[in-house]
Amino acid sequence: MAMKGYSSSTEKCAAARAEGVNASWKDLAEVCARIRGMSADKAVVFLGKASIKPTEGGIPVLFKRHCKKLGHRRELGGRKGRYPWKSAAIVLKVLQSAMANGRTQGMGDEYTVQAACANKNMSFPRLASKGRWARSNLETSRIEIILKGSEIPKGVTVKPAKPEAKKETKKPEAPVIGKPPEAKPPATVLRDQATQHEHKHEAEKEFEQEKKHEEAEPHHHGEYKKR
């Protein structure tokens, strides 16, 4: 039975899946695990090399879970691996389909593999030929890949974040004991006060001289002051 939806959230993501795949789900799961968290462009290059047959220069894939009685590979630094070229080619097609879906949604050209997994899907009973009662089931697989794009999809508006106001930390005031000392005026204030005092003294001298001069002079009516 086909599974509805994806195993993880696909909101604001590009996704693709394939069901009823005639390939080993264990090999598909290991291939998906190797590209998980990788950029889409690097994953395409890796799957392209892994999908080539080993006799033609293909590269092995590291197996971490389903690796019982598995041989060690020199290309992997002595770790266990295999050449699942068929599974790698299938995963590559699903990855390219997810990238095409992302471009259609307007999510840009750069993607990251956010989720990639493969599971057992359906099984069909099969009997051996020539009247033999040997039975073996045909198991199919399911693949899903979710990509995270670099741009915001069309029709989605994101409000800019408001800048946080900086909180002013007040310094604790020291306790006042007695009267606080009077602040001394700066040198510029003292200099201005001295200049104002000098100007005032000069103005008083001029006023006294003018007064004496007026008393010595005769009045406007032609009369002279009595001595």
N, C-alpha and C. Protein backbone atom coordinates (compact mmCIF):
# COMPACT_ATOMS: atom_id res chain seq x y z
N MET A 1 0.85 -1.19 0.00
CA MET A 1 0.00 0.00 0.00
C MET A 1 0.88 1.24 0.00
N ALA A 2 0.53 2.21 -0.84
CA ALA A 2 1.32 3.43 -0.94
C ALA A 2 1.13 4.28 0.30
N MET A 3 2.23 4.87 0.76
CA MET A 3 2.20 5.71 1.96
C MET A 3 1.84 7.13 1.56
N LYS A 4 0.98 7.77 2.36
CA LYS A 4 0.54 9.12 2.07
C LYS A 4 1.46 10.12 2.75
N GLY A 5 1.85 11.16 2.00
CA GLY A 5 2.68 12.22 2.57
C GLY A 5 4.12 11.80 2.77
N TYR A 6 4.84 12.65 3.52
CA TYR A 6 6.25 12.44 3.79
C TYR A 6 6.45 12.16 5.28
N SER A 7 7.59 11.60 5.59
CA SER A 7 7.88 11.25 6.99
C SER A 7 8.26 12.46 7.82
N SER A 8 8.59 13.60 7.19
CA SER A 8 8.94 14.83 7.90
C SER A 8 8.24 16.00 7.21
N SER A 9 8.29 17.15 7.85
CA SER A 9 7.60 18.33 7.33
C SER A 9 8.27 18.84 6.06
N THR A 10 7.45 19.23 5.09
CA THR A 10 7.96 19.74 3.81
C THR A 10 7.56 21.20 3.60
N GLU A 11 7.24 21.91 4.68
CA GLU A 11 6.83 23.31 4.56
C GLU A 11 8.03 24.15 4.14
N LYS A 12 7.84 24.95 3.09
CA LYS A 12 8.89 25.81 2.54
C LYS A 12 10.10 24.99 2.11
N CYS A 13 9.86 23.80 1.60
CA CYS A 13 10.94 22.93 1.13
C CYS A 13 10.54 22.32 -0.20
N ALA A 14 11.52 21.83 -0.92
CA ALA A 14 11.29 21.10 -2.16
C ALA A 14 11.46 19.62 -1.88
N ALA A 15 10.52 18.80 -2.35
CA ALA A 15 10.53 17.38 -2.02
C ALA A 15 10.19 16.56 -3.25
N ALA A 16 10.60 15.30 -3.20
CA ALA A 16 10.27 14.33 -4.25
C ALA A 16 10.37 12.94 -3.64
N ARG A 17 9.60 11.99 -4.19
CA ARG A 17 9.62 10.62 -3.67
C ARG A 17 9.33 9.66 -4.80
N ALA A 18 9.68 8.42 -4.55
CA ALA A 18 9.42 7.34 -5.51
C ALA A 18 9.00 6.12 -4.72
N GLU A 19 7.96 5.44 -5.18
CA GLU A 19 7.42 4.26 -4.49
C GLU A 19 7.42 3.08 -5.46
N GLY A 20 7.44 1.89 -4.87
CA GLY A 20 7.44 0.68 -5.68
C GLY A 20 8.72 0.47 -6.46
N VAL A 21 9.86 0.89 -5.89
CA VAL A 21 11.14 0.78 -6.58
C VAL A 21 11.65 -0.66 -6.43
N ASN A 22 12.03 -1.25 -7.54
CA ASN A 22 12.54 -2.63 -7.54
C ASN A 22 14.05 -2.60 -7.28
N ALA A 23 14.40 -2.35 -6.02
CA ALA A 23 15.81 -2.31 -5.60
C ALA A 23 15.85 -2.61 -4.11
N SER A 24 17.04 -2.97 -3.63
CA SER A 24 17.20 -3.30 -2.22
C SER A 24 17.03 -2.05 -1.36
N TRP A 25 16.11 -2.09 -0.41
CA TRP A 25 15.88 -0.91 0.44
C TRP A 25 17.05 -0.67 1.38
N LYS A 26 17.83 -1.71 1.68
CA LYS A 26 19.01 -1.53 2.53
C LYS A 26 20.09 -0.75 1.79
N ASP A 27 20.31 -1.09 0.52
CA ASP A 27 21.28 -0.33 -0.26
C ASP A 27 20.82 1.11 -0.47
N LEU A 28 19.53 1.29 -0.73
CA LEU A 28 18.99 2.64 -0.91
C LEU A 28 19.13 3.46 0.36
N ALA A 29 18.90 2.84 1.52
CA ALA A 29 19.01 3.56 2.78
C ALA A 29 20.44 4.02 3.04
N GLU A 30 21.43 3.18 2.71
CA GLU A 30 22.83 3.57 2.92
C GLU A 30 23.24 4.68 1.96
N VAL A 31 22.76 4.63 0.73
CA VAL A 31 23.08 5.70 -0.22
C VAL A 31 22.46 7.01 0.22
N CYS A 32 21.21 6.98 0.69
CA CYS A 32 20.55 8.20 1.17
C CYS A 32 21.25 8.77 2.40
N ALA A 33 21.76 7.88 3.26
CA ALA A 33 22.45 8.36 4.45
C ALA A 33 23.74 9.09 4.11
N ARG A 34 24.40 8.74 3.00
CA ARG A 34 25.65 9.37 2.63
C ARG A 34 25.45 10.79 2.09
N ILE A 35 24.29 11.07 1.52
CA ILE A 35 24.06 12.40 0.95
C ILE A 35 23.28 13.29 1.89
N ARG A 36 22.86 12.79 3.03
CA ARG A 36 22.08 13.59 3.97
C ARG A 36 22.95 14.69 4.56
N GLY A 37 22.45 15.93 4.50
CA GLY A 37 23.20 17.08 4.98
C GLY A 37 24.19 17.65 3.97
N MET A 38 24.29 17.08 2.81
CA MET A 38 25.22 17.52 1.77
C MET A 38 24.51 18.52 0.86
N SER A 39 25.27 19.39 0.23
CA SER A 39 24.67 20.30 -0.76
C SER A 39 24.22 19.50 -1.98
N ALA A 40 23.19 19.97 -2.64
CA ALA A 40 22.61 19.22 -3.74
C ALA A 40 23.60 19.03 -4.89
N ASP A 41 24.41 20.05 -5.18
CA ASP A 41 25.37 19.93 -6.28
C ASP A 41 26.43 18.86 -5.98
N LYS A 42 26.92 18.84 -4.74
CA LYS A 42 27.90 17.81 -4.39
C LYS A 42 27.28 16.42 -4.38
N ALA A 43 26.01 16.34 -3.96
CA ALA A 43 25.33 15.05 -3.96
C ALA A 43 25.13 14.51 -5.37
N VAL A 44 24.87 15.41 -6.31
CA VAL A 44 24.71 14.97 -7.71
C VAL A 44 26.02 14.41 -8.24
N VAL A 45 27.13 15.08 -7.92
CA VAL A 45 28.44 14.59 -8.38
C VAL A 45 28.76 13.24 -7.74
N PHE A 46 28.50 13.11 -6.44
CA PHE A 46 28.79 11.85 -5.75
C PHE A 46 27.94 10.71 -6.30
N LEU A 47 26.65 10.94 -6.48
CA LEU A 47 25.78 9.87 -6.99
C LEU A 47 26.09 9.54 -8.44
N GLY A 48 26.55 10.55 -9.19
CA GLY A 48 26.94 10.27 -10.58
C GLY A 48 28.13 9.32 -10.66
N LYS A 49 29.09 9.48 -9.74
CA LYS A 49 30.24 8.58 -9.73
C LYS A 49 29.87 7.21 -9.16
N ALA A 50 28.98 7.20 -8.14
CA ALA A 50 28.59 5.93 -7.53
C ALA A 50 27.67 5.11 -8.41
N SER A 51 26.99 5.76 -9.37
CA SER A 51 26.08 5.02 -10.26
C SER A 51 26.80 4.32 -11.41
N ILE A 52 28.11 4.48 -11.50
CA ILE A 52 28.90 3.79 -12.55
C ILE A 52 29.30 2.41 -12.02
N LYS A 53 29.29 1.43 -12.87
CA LYS A 53 29.66 0.07 -12.47
C LYS A 53 31.13 0.04 -12.03
N PRO A 54 31.48 -0.84 -11.10
CA PRO A 54 32.88 -0.88 -10.62
C PRO A 54 33.87 -1.26 -11.72
N THR A 55 33.42 -2.03 -12.71
CA THR A 55 34.33 -2.39 -13.80
C THR A 55 34.63 -1.22 -14.72
N GLU A 56 33.81 -0.16 -14.63
CA GLU A 56 33.98 1.01 -15.48
C GLU A 56 34.53 2.21 -14.72
N GLY A 57 34.92 2.01 -13.46
CA GLY A 57 35.54 3.08 -12.68
C GLY A 57 34.63 3.72 -11.67
N GLY A 58 33.62 3.02 -11.20
CA GLY A 58 32.73 3.58 -10.19
C GLY A 58 33.38 3.58 -8.81
N ILE A 59 32.84 4.39 -7.91
CA ILE A 59 33.38 4.50 -6.55
C ILE A 59 32.48 3.74 -5.59
N PRO A 60 33.04 3.21 -4.50
CA PRO A 60 32.21 2.48 -3.52
C PRO A 60 31.48 3.44 -2.60
N VAL A 61 30.48 2.92 -1.89
CA VAL A 61 29.68 3.68 -0.94
C VAL A 61 29.89 3.07 0.44
N LEU A 62 30.10 3.92 1.43
CA LEU A 62 30.32 3.46 2.79
C LEU A 62 29.02 2.91 3.38
N PHE A 63 29.10 1.73 3.99
CA PHE A 63 27.97 1.10 4.67
C PHE A 63 28.25 1.09 6.17
N LYS A 64 27.33 1.64 6.94
CA LYS A 64 27.50 1.70 8.39
C LYS A 64 26.55 0.78 9.14
N ARG A 65 25.36 0.55 8.62
CA ARG A 65 24.37 -0.26 9.34
C ARG A 65 24.29 -1.67 8.79
N HIS A 66 23.95 -1.79 7.54
CA HIS A 66 23.75 -3.09 6.91
C HIS A 66 25.07 -3.58 6.31
N CYS A 67 26.01 -3.89 7.20
CA CYS A 67 27.36 -4.23 6.74
C CYS A 67 27.87 -5.53 7.36
N LYS A 68 26.99 -6.45 7.69
CA LYS A 68 27.41 -7.73 8.26
C LYS A 68 28.06 -8.59 7.17
N LYS A 69 29.25 -9.14 7.48
CA LYS A 69 30.01 -9.98 6.56
C LYS A 69 30.28 -9.25 5.23
N LEU A 70 30.60 -7.97 5.36
CA LEU A 70 30.87 -7.15 4.18
C LEU A 70 32.36 -6.88 4.08
N GLY A 71 32.87 -6.83 2.86
CA GLY A 71 34.30 -6.64 2.64
C GLY A 71 34.75 -5.21 2.88
N HIS A 72 36.04 -5.05 3.16
CA HIS A 72 36.64 -3.74 3.38
C HIS A 72 37.15 -3.19 2.04
N ARG A 73 37.04 -1.87 1.89
CA ARG A 73 37.42 -1.23 0.64
C ARG A 73 38.62 -0.31 0.85
N ARG A 74 39.56 -0.44 -0.06
CA ARG A 74 40.76 0.39 0.02
C ARG A 74 40.41 1.86 -0.22
N GLU A 75 39.46 2.14 -1.11
CA GLU A 75 39.09 3.53 -1.41
C GLU A 75 38.44 4.23 -0.21
N LEU A 76 37.89 3.47 0.71
CA LEU A 76 37.23 4.02 1.89
C LEU A 76 38.14 4.01 3.12
N GLY A 77 39.42 3.79 2.92
CA GLY A 77 40.35 3.77 4.03
C GLY A 77 40.25 2.52 4.89
N GLY A 78 39.89 1.39 4.30
CA GLY A 78 39.79 0.15 5.05
C GLY A 78 38.44 -0.08 5.69
N ARG A 79 37.47 0.82 5.47
CA ARG A 79 36.16 0.63 6.05
C ARG A 79 35.27 -0.20 5.11
N LYS A 80 34.17 -0.67 5.68
CA LYS A 80 33.30 -1.54 4.90
C LYS A 80 32.48 -0.73 3.90
N GLY A 81 32.30 -1.31 2.72
CA GLY A 81 31.53 -0.63 1.68
C GLY A 81 31.14 -1.57 0.57
N ARG A 82 30.38 -1.03 -0.37
CA ARG A 82 29.87 -1.82 -1.49
C ARG A 82 29.72 -0.90 -2.69
N TYR A 83 29.39 -1.47 -3.84
CA TYR A 83 29.19 -0.73 -5.08
C TYR A 83 27.71 -0.81 -5.48
N PRO A 84 26.81 -0.09 -4.81
CA PRO A 84 25.39 -0.15 -5.16
C PRO A 84 25.06 0.81 -6.31
N TRP A 85 25.59 0.52 -7.49
CA TRP A 85 25.43 1.43 -8.62
C TRP A 85 23.98 1.56 -9.05
N LYS A 86 23.20 0.47 -8.93
CA LYS A 86 21.78 0.55 -9.30
C LYS A 86 21.01 1.46 -8.34
N SER A 87 21.24 1.29 -7.06
CA SER A 87 20.56 2.13 -6.07
C SER A 87 20.98 3.59 -6.19
N ALA A 88 22.25 3.85 -6.46
CA ALA A 88 22.73 5.21 -6.59
C ALA A 88 22.08 5.92 -7.79
N ALA A 89 21.88 5.19 -8.90
CA ALA A 89 21.23 5.78 -10.07
C ALA A 89 19.77 6.14 -9.77
N ILE A 90 19.08 5.32 -8.98
CA ILE A 90 17.68 5.61 -8.64
C ILE A 90 17.59 6.82 -7.73
N VAL A 91 18.47 6.88 -6.72
CA VAL A 91 18.46 8.03 -5.81
C VAL A 91 18.81 9.31 -6.56
N LEU A 92 19.69 9.22 -7.55
CA LEU A 92 20.07 10.40 -8.34
C LEU A 92 18.86 10.96 -9.09
N LYS A 93 18.03 10.10 -9.62
CA LYS A 93 16.83 10.56 -10.35
C LYS A 93 15.86 11.26 -9.40
N VAL A 94 15.68 10.70 -8.20
CA VAL A 94 14.77 11.33 -7.24
C VAL A 94 15.33 12.68 -6.79
N LEU A 95 16.64 12.79 -6.61
CA LEU A 95 17.25 14.06 -6.21
C LEU A 95 17.08 15.11 -7.30
N GLN A 96 17.29 14.75 -8.54
CA GLN A 96 17.10 15.69 -9.64
C GLN A 96 15.64 16.13 -9.75
N SER A 97 14.71 15.22 -9.46
CA SER A 97 13.29 15.58 -9.48
C SER A 97 12.97 16.58 -8.37
N ALA A 98 13.56 16.40 -7.19
CA ALA A 98 13.33 17.35 -6.10
C ALA A 98 13.91 18.73 -6.43
N MET A 99 15.06 18.77 -7.07
CA MET A 99 15.66 20.05 -7.47
C MET A 99 14.79 20.76 -8.50
N ALA A 100 14.23 20.00 -9.44
CA ALA A 100 13.34 20.60 -10.43
C ALA A 100 12.06 21.14 -9.78
N ASN A 101 11.55 20.45 -8.77
CA ASN A 101 10.37 20.94 -8.05
C ASN A 101 10.69 22.24 -7.31
N GLY A 102 11.90 22.34 -6.75
CA GLY A 102 12.29 23.56 -6.06
C GLY A 102 12.40 24.75 -7.01
N ARG A 103 12.94 24.54 -8.20
CA ARG A 103 13.03 25.64 -9.18
C ARG A 103 11.65 26.08 -9.62
N THR A 104 10.72 25.14 -9.75
CA THR A 104 9.36 25.49 -10.14
C THR A 104 8.69 26.35 -9.07
N GLN A 105 8.99 26.10 -7.81
CA GLN A 105 8.41 26.87 -6.71
C GLN A 105 9.13 28.19 -6.48
N GLY A 106 10.21 28.45 -7.23
CA GLY A 106 10.95 29.70 -7.09
C GLY A 106 11.84 29.75 -5.87
N MET A 107 12.50 28.64 -5.57
CA MET A 107 13.36 28.57 -4.38
C MET A 107 14.83 28.69 -4.72
N GLY A 108 15.16 29.15 -5.92
CA GLY A 108 16.55 29.35 -6.28
C GLY A 108 17.18 28.12 -6.91
N ASP A 109 18.52 28.15 -6.98
CA ASP A 109 19.28 27.06 -7.60
C ASP A 109 20.17 26.32 -6.62
N GLU A 110 20.35 26.84 -5.42
CA GLU A 110 21.21 26.19 -4.43
C GLU A 110 20.34 25.52 -3.37
N TYR A 111 20.63 24.24 -3.12
CA TYR A 111 19.82 23.46 -2.18
C TYR A 111 20.74 22.65 -1.27
N THR A 112 20.15 22.25 -0.15
CA THR A 112 20.81 21.38 0.81
C THR A 112 19.89 20.21 1.10
N VAL A 113 20.45 19.00 1.15
CA VAL A 113 19.65 17.81 1.42
C VAL A 113 19.30 17.80 2.90
N GLN A 114 18.07 18.20 3.20
CA GLN A 114 17.63 18.26 4.59
C GLN A 114 17.26 16.88 5.12
N ALA A 115 16.61 16.06 4.28
CA ALA A 115 16.20 14.71 4.70
C ALA A 115 16.25 13.80 3.48
N ALA A 116 16.74 12.59 3.70
CA ALA A 116 16.78 11.57 2.64
C ALA A 116 16.71 10.21 3.31
N CYS A 117 15.76 9.41 2.94
CA CYS A 117 15.59 8.10 3.57
C CYS A 117 14.95 7.13 2.58
N ALA A 118 15.09 5.85 2.88
CA ALA A 118 14.51 4.77 2.07
C ALA A 118 14.01 3.68 3.01
N ASN A 119 12.84 3.14 2.71
CA ASN A 119 12.23 2.13 3.55
C ASN A 119 11.62 1.03 2.67
N LYS A 120 11.26 -0.04 3.34
CA LYS A 120 10.56 -1.12 2.65
C LYS A 120 9.13 -0.67 2.36
N ASN A 121 8.66 -0.99 1.14
CA ASN A 121 7.35 -0.49 0.75
C ASN A 121 6.31 -1.62 0.65
N MET A 122 6.41 -2.44 -0.36
CA MET A 122 5.44 -3.51 -0.55
C MET A 122 6.18 -4.81 -0.86
N SER A 123 5.53 -5.90 -0.61
CA SER A 123 6.11 -7.21 -0.92
C SER A 123 5.06 -8.05 -1.66
N PHE A 124 5.54 -8.81 -2.68
CA PHE A 124 4.67 -9.65 -3.51
C PHE A 124 5.16 -11.09 -3.41
N PRO A 125 4.25 -12.05 -3.13
CA PRO A 125 4.68 -13.45 -3.04
C PRO A 125 5.03 -14.01 -4.42
N ARG A 126 6.12 -14.72 -4.48
CA ARG A 126 6.57 -15.35 -5.72
C ARG A 126 6.90 -16.82 -5.45
N LEU A 127 6.61 -17.64 -6.42
CA LEU A 127 6.92 -19.07 -6.33
C LEU A 127 7.96 -19.43 -7.38
N ALA A 128 8.75 -20.40 -7.03
CA ALA A 128 9.79 -20.83 -7.97
C ALA A 128 9.14 -21.54 -9.16
N SER A 129 9.84 -21.55 -10.28
CA SER A 129 9.32 -22.18 -11.49
C SER A 129 9.51 -23.70 -11.47
N LYS A 130 8.98 -24.35 -12.45
CA LYS A 130 9.11 -25.80 -12.67
C LYS A 130 8.46 -26.61 -11.54
N GLY A 131 7.37 -26.10 -11.00
CA GLY A 131 6.63 -26.85 -10.01
C GLY A 131 7.29 -26.96 -8.65
N ARG A 132 8.33 -26.21 -8.40
CA ARG A 132 8.98 -26.26 -7.09
C ARG A 132 8.21 -25.38 -6.11
N TRP A 133 8.14 -25.84 -4.89
CA TRP A 133 7.38 -25.12 -3.88
C TRP A 133 8.27 -24.19 -3.04
N ALA A 134 9.33 -23.70 -3.64
CA ALA A 134 10.18 -22.71 -2.97
C ALA A 134 9.56 -21.32 -3.17
N ARG A 135 9.44 -20.62 -2.11
CA ARG A 135 8.77 -19.32 -2.16
C ARG A 135 9.71 -18.22 -1.68
N SER A 136 9.70 -17.09 -2.38
CA SER A 136 10.48 -15.92 -1.98
C SER A 136 9.69 -14.67 -2.40
N ASN A 137 9.59 -13.75 -1.49
CA ASN A 137 8.80 -12.55 -1.75
C ASN A 137 9.65 -11.48 -2.47
N LEU A 138 8.99 -10.77 -3.36
CA LEU A 138 9.61 -9.64 -4.04
C LEU A 138 9.30 -8.38 -3.23
N GLU A 139 10.34 -7.75 -2.68
CA GLU A 139 10.16 -6.56 -1.84
C GLU A 139 10.53 -5.31 -2.65
N THR A 140 9.65 -4.33 -2.59
CA THR A 140 9.91 -3.05 -3.24
C THR A 140 10.25 -2.00 -2.17
N SER A 141 10.74 -0.86 -2.62
CA SER A 141 11.24 0.18 -1.71
C SER A 141 10.57 1.51 -1.99
N ARG A 142 10.73 2.38 -1.05
CA ARG A 142 10.19 3.75 -1.13
C ARG A 142 11.31 4.73 -0.78
N ILE A 143 11.46 5.77 -1.60
CA ILE A 143 12.52 6.78 -1.40
C ILE A 143 11.87 8.15 -1.30
N GLU A 144 12.38 8.96 -0.41
CA GLU A 144 11.93 10.35 -0.32
C GLU A 144 13.13 11.24 0.00
N ILE A 145 13.15 12.41 -0.65
CA ILE A 145 14.22 13.39 -0.48
C ILE A 145 13.58 14.75 -0.30
N ILE A 146 14.04 15.49 0.71
CA ILE A 146 13.55 16.83 1.00
C ILE A 146 14.73 17.79 0.95
N LEU A 147 14.58 18.86 0.18
CA LEU A 147 15.65 19.84 0.00
C LEU A 147 15.24 21.17 0.61
N LYS A 148 16.21 21.84 1.15
CA LYS A 148 16.01 23.18 1.70
C LYS A 148 16.66 24.18 0.76
N GLY A 149 15.85 25.14 0.26
CA GLY A 149 16.34 26.11 -0.70
C GLY A 149 17.01 27.30 -0.05
N SER A 150 17.64 28.13 -0.89
CA SER A 150 18.34 29.32 -0.40
C SER A 150 17.49 30.56 -0.49
N GLU A 151 16.37 30.53 -1.21
CA GLU A 151 15.52 31.70 -1.37
C GLU A 151 14.13 31.40 -0.83
N ILE A 152 13.37 32.48 -0.59
CA ILE A 152 12.01 32.35 -0.07
C ILE A 152 11.07 32.01 -1.21
N PRO A 153 10.16 31.06 -1.04
CA PRO A 153 9.23 30.71 -2.12
C PRO A 153 8.36 31.88 -2.52
N LYS A 154 7.77 31.79 -3.71
CA LYS A 154 6.89 32.83 -4.21
C LYS A 154 5.63 32.92 -3.35
N GLY A 155 5.16 34.15 -3.16
CA GLY A 155 3.95 34.35 -2.38
C GLY A 155 4.15 34.37 -0.89
N VAL A 156 5.38 34.19 -0.42
CA VAL A 156 5.67 34.19 1.02
C VAL A 156 6.40 35.48 1.36
N THR A 157 5.85 36.25 2.28
CA THR A 157 6.46 37.50 2.71
C THR A 157 6.98 37.34 4.12
N VAL A 158 8.18 37.78 4.32
CA VAL A 158 8.82 37.68 5.62
C VAL A 158 9.04 39.09 6.15
N LYS A 159 8.50 39.39 7.33
CA LYS A 159 8.66 40.70 7.92
C LYS A 159 10.05 40.83 8.53
N PRO A 160 10.69 41.99 8.31
CA PRO A 160 12.03 42.16 8.91
C PRO A 160 11.94 42.20 10.42
N ALA A 161 12.92 41.64 11.04
CA ALA A 161 12.93 41.60 12.50
C ALA A 161 13.20 42.99 13.06
N LYS A 162 12.46 43.35 14.12
CA LYS A 162 12.64 44.65 14.75
C LYS A 162 13.92 44.67 15.58
N PRO A 163 14.68 45.75 15.47
CA PRO A 163 15.92 45.80 16.28
C PRO A 163 15.57 45.89 17.75
N GLU A 164 16.25 45.15 18.53
CA GLU A 164 16.01 45.13 19.97
C GLU A 164 16.61 46.38 20.62
N ALA A 165 15.80 47.01 21.47
CA ALA A 165 16.27 48.22 22.16
C ALA A 165 17.27 47.83 23.25
N LYS A 166 18.35 48.57 23.29
CA LYS A 166 19.38 48.27 24.27
C LYS A 166 18.94 48.80 25.64
N LYS A 167 19.03 47.95 26.61
CA LYS A 167 18.66 48.33 27.96
C LYS A 167 19.84 49.04 28.63
N GLU A 168 19.54 50.25 29.15
CA GLU A 168 20.58 51.03 29.84
C GLU A 168 20.70 50.55 31.28
N THR A 169 21.88 50.20 31.63
CA THR A 169 22.13 49.75 33.00
C THR A 169 22.60 50.92 33.84
N LYS A 170 21.82 51.28 34.86
CA LYS A 170 22.18 52.39 35.73
C LYS A 170 23.18 51.94 36.79
N LYS A 171 24.18 52.78 36.98
CA LYS A 171 25.19 52.46 37.98
C LYS A 171 24.63 52.77 39.37
N PRO A 172 24.89 51.93 40.34
CA PRO A 172 24.39 52.21 41.69
C PRO A 172 25.06 53.44 42.28
N GLU A 173 24.23 54.34 42.85
CA GLU A 173 24.75 55.58 43.42
C GLU A 173 25.38 55.30 44.79
N ALA A 174 26.50 55.96 45.05
CA ALA A 174 27.19 55.78 46.32
C ALA A 174 26.45 56.55 47.41
N PRO A 175 26.39 56.04 48.61
CA PRO A 175 25.69 56.74 49.69
C PRO A 175 26.41 58.04 50.03
N VAL A 176 25.62 59.13 50.25
CA VAL A 176 26.16 60.46 50.54
C VAL A 176 26.29 60.63 52.05
N ILE A 177 27.48 60.94 52.54
CA ILE A 177 27.72 61.16 53.96
C ILE A 177 28.03 62.64 54.15
N GLY A 178 27.14 63.36 54.84
CA GLY A 178 27.33 64.80 55.01
C GLY A 178 27.00 65.55 53.74
N LYS A 179 27.50 66.81 53.65
CA LYS A 179 27.25 67.61 52.46
C LYS A 179 28.24 67.22 51.36
N PRO A 180 27.75 67.13 50.14
CA PRO A 180 28.68 66.80 49.04
C PRO A 180 29.58 67.98 48.75
N PRO A 181 30.81 67.76 48.35
CA PRO A 181 31.73 68.86 48.04
C PRO A 181 31.24 69.64 46.83
N GLU A 182 31.41 71.00 46.94
CA GLU A 182 30.97 71.85 45.85
C GLU A 182 31.92 71.68 44.66
N ALA A 183 31.31 71.63 43.52
CA ALA A 183 32.11 71.45 42.30
C ALA A 183 32.78 72.77 41.94
N LYS A 184 34.06 72.73 41.67
CA LYS A 184 34.82 73.92 41.31
C LYS A 184 34.51 74.29 39.87
N PRO A 185 34.34 75.58 39.59
CA PRO A 185 34.06 75.97 38.20
C PRO A 185 35.29 75.73 37.33
N PRO A 186 35.09 75.43 36.07
CA PRO A 186 36.24 75.21 35.19
C PRO A 186 37.01 76.48 34.92
N ALA A 187 38.19 76.34 34.33
CA ALA A 187 39.07 77.49 34.09
C ALA A 187 38.45 78.47 33.12
N THR A 188 37.70 78.00 32.12
CA THR A 188 37.09 78.89 31.13
C THR A 188 36.07 79.81 31.79
N VAL A 189 35.30 79.28 32.76
CA VAL A 189 34.28 80.11 33.44
C VAL A 189 34.97 81.18 34.27
N LEU A 190 36.05 80.83 34.97
CA LEU A 190 36.78 81.81 35.77
C LEU A 190 37.37 82.91 34.89
N ARG A 191 37.89 82.54 33.73
CA ARG A 191 38.47 83.52 32.81
C ARG A 191 37.41 84.49 32.31
N ASP A 192 36.22 83.98 31.99
CA ASP A 192 35.13 84.85 31.50
C ASP A 192 34.67 85.80 32.59
N GLN A 193 34.59 85.33 33.84
CA GLN A 193 34.18 86.19 34.93
C GLN A 193 35.18 87.33 35.17
N ALA A 194 36.49 87.01 35.04
CA ALA A 194 37.52 88.04 35.23
C ALA A 194 37.43 89.11 34.16
N THR A 195 37.22 88.71 32.91
CA THR A 195 37.11 89.69 31.82
C THR A 195 35.87 90.56 31.99
N GLN A 196 34.75 89.99 32.46
CA GLN A 196 33.55 90.79 32.69
C GLN A 196 33.77 91.82 33.80
N HIS A 197 34.49 91.44 34.84
CA HIS A 197 34.77 92.36 35.95
C HIS A 197 35.63 93.53 35.46
N GLU A 198 36.63 93.26 34.62
CA GLU A 198 37.49 94.33 34.10
C GLU A 198 36.69 95.29 33.24
N HIS A 199 35.82 94.77 32.37
CA HIS A 199 35.01 95.64 31.52
C HIS A 199 34.07 96.51 32.36
N LYS A 200 33.53 95.96 33.42
CA LYS A 200 32.64 96.72 34.28
C LYS A 200 33.40 97.85 34.97
N HIS A 201 34.60 97.58 35.45
CA HIS A 201 35.41 98.60 36.12
C HIS A 201 35.76 99.73 35.17
N GLU A 202 36.13 99.41 33.95
CA GLU A 202 36.44 100.44 32.95
C GLU A 202 35.22 101.29 32.63
N ALA A 203 34.04 100.67 32.52
CA ALA A 203 32.82 101.43 32.22
C ALA A 203 32.50 102.41 33.34
N GLU A 204 32.71 102.01 34.60
CA GLU A 204 32.46 102.92 35.72
C GLU A 204 33.40 104.12 35.69
N LYS A 205 34.67 103.90 35.35
CA LYS A 205 35.63 105.01 35.25
C LYS A 205 35.21 106.01 34.17
N GLU A 206 34.81 105.49 33.01
CA GLU A 206 34.38 106.37 31.92
C GLU A 206 33.15 107.18 32.34
N PHE A 207 32.20 106.55 33.06
CA PHE A 207 30.99 107.26 33.47
C PHE A 207 31.33 108.40 34.45
N GLU A 208 32.27 108.19 35.36
CA GLU A 208 32.66 109.22 36.32
C GLU A 208 33.36 110.38 35.62
N GLN A 209 34.21 110.07 34.64
CA GLN A 209 34.90 111.16 33.90
C GLN A 209 33.91 112.02 33.13
N GLU A 210 32.91 111.38 32.50
CA GLU A 210 31.92 112.14 31.75
C GLU A 210 31.11 113.05 32.69
N LYS A 211 30.82 112.57 33.89
CA LYS A 211 30.03 113.35 34.86
C LYS A 211 30.82 114.60 35.31
N LYS A 212 32.10 114.43 35.58
CA LYS A 212 32.93 115.56 35.96
C LYS A 212 33.04 116.57 34.83
N HIS A 213 33.15 116.10 33.62
CA HIS A 213 33.26 116.97 32.46
C HIS A 213 31.99 117.79 32.27
N GLU A 214 30.82 117.20 32.50
CA GLU A 214 29.55 117.92 32.36
C GLU A 214 29.40 119.00 33.44
N GLU A 215 29.87 118.73 34.64
CA GLU A 215 29.78 119.72 35.70
C GLU A 215 30.69 120.92 35.44
N ALA A 216 31.84 120.69 34.80
CA ALA A 216 32.76 121.79 34.51
C ALA A 216 32.27 122.66 33.38
N GLU A 217 31.54 122.14 32.43
CA GLU A 217 31.07 122.89 31.27
C GLU A 217 29.88 123.76 31.66
N PRO A 218 29.63 124.97 30.96
CA PRO A 218 28.45 125.83 31.25
C PRO A 218 27.19 125.17 30.76
N HIS A 219 26.02 125.75 31.30
CA HIS A 219 24.73 125.24 30.87
C HIS A 219 24.40 125.73 29.49
N HIS A 220 23.38 125.16 28.88
CA HIS A 220 23.00 125.54 27.52
C HIS A 220 22.36 126.92 27.46
N HIS A 221 21.90 127.53 28.60
CA HIS A 221 21.24 128.83 28.59
C HIS A 221 22.24 129.99 28.65
N GLY A 222 23.50 129.66 28.54
CA GLY A 222 24.52 130.72 28.56
C GLY A 222 24.96 131.12 29.91
N GLU A 223 24.58 130.45 30.93
CA GLU A 223 24.97 130.77 32.28
C GLU A 223 26.14 129.90 32.67
N TYR A 224 26.99 130.48 33.51
CA TYR A 224 28.13 129.72 34.01
C TYR A 224 27.86 129.28 35.41
N LYS A 225 28.46 128.17 35.73
CA LYS A 225 28.28 127.65 37.08
C LYS A 225 29.04 128.51 38.06
N LYS A 226 28.42 128.69 39.21
CA LYS A 226 29.09 129.41 40.28
C LYS A 226 30.16 128.56 40.90
N ARG A 227 31.29 129.23 41.07
CA ARG A 227 32.39 128.49 41.69
C ARG A 227 32.34 128.67 43.19
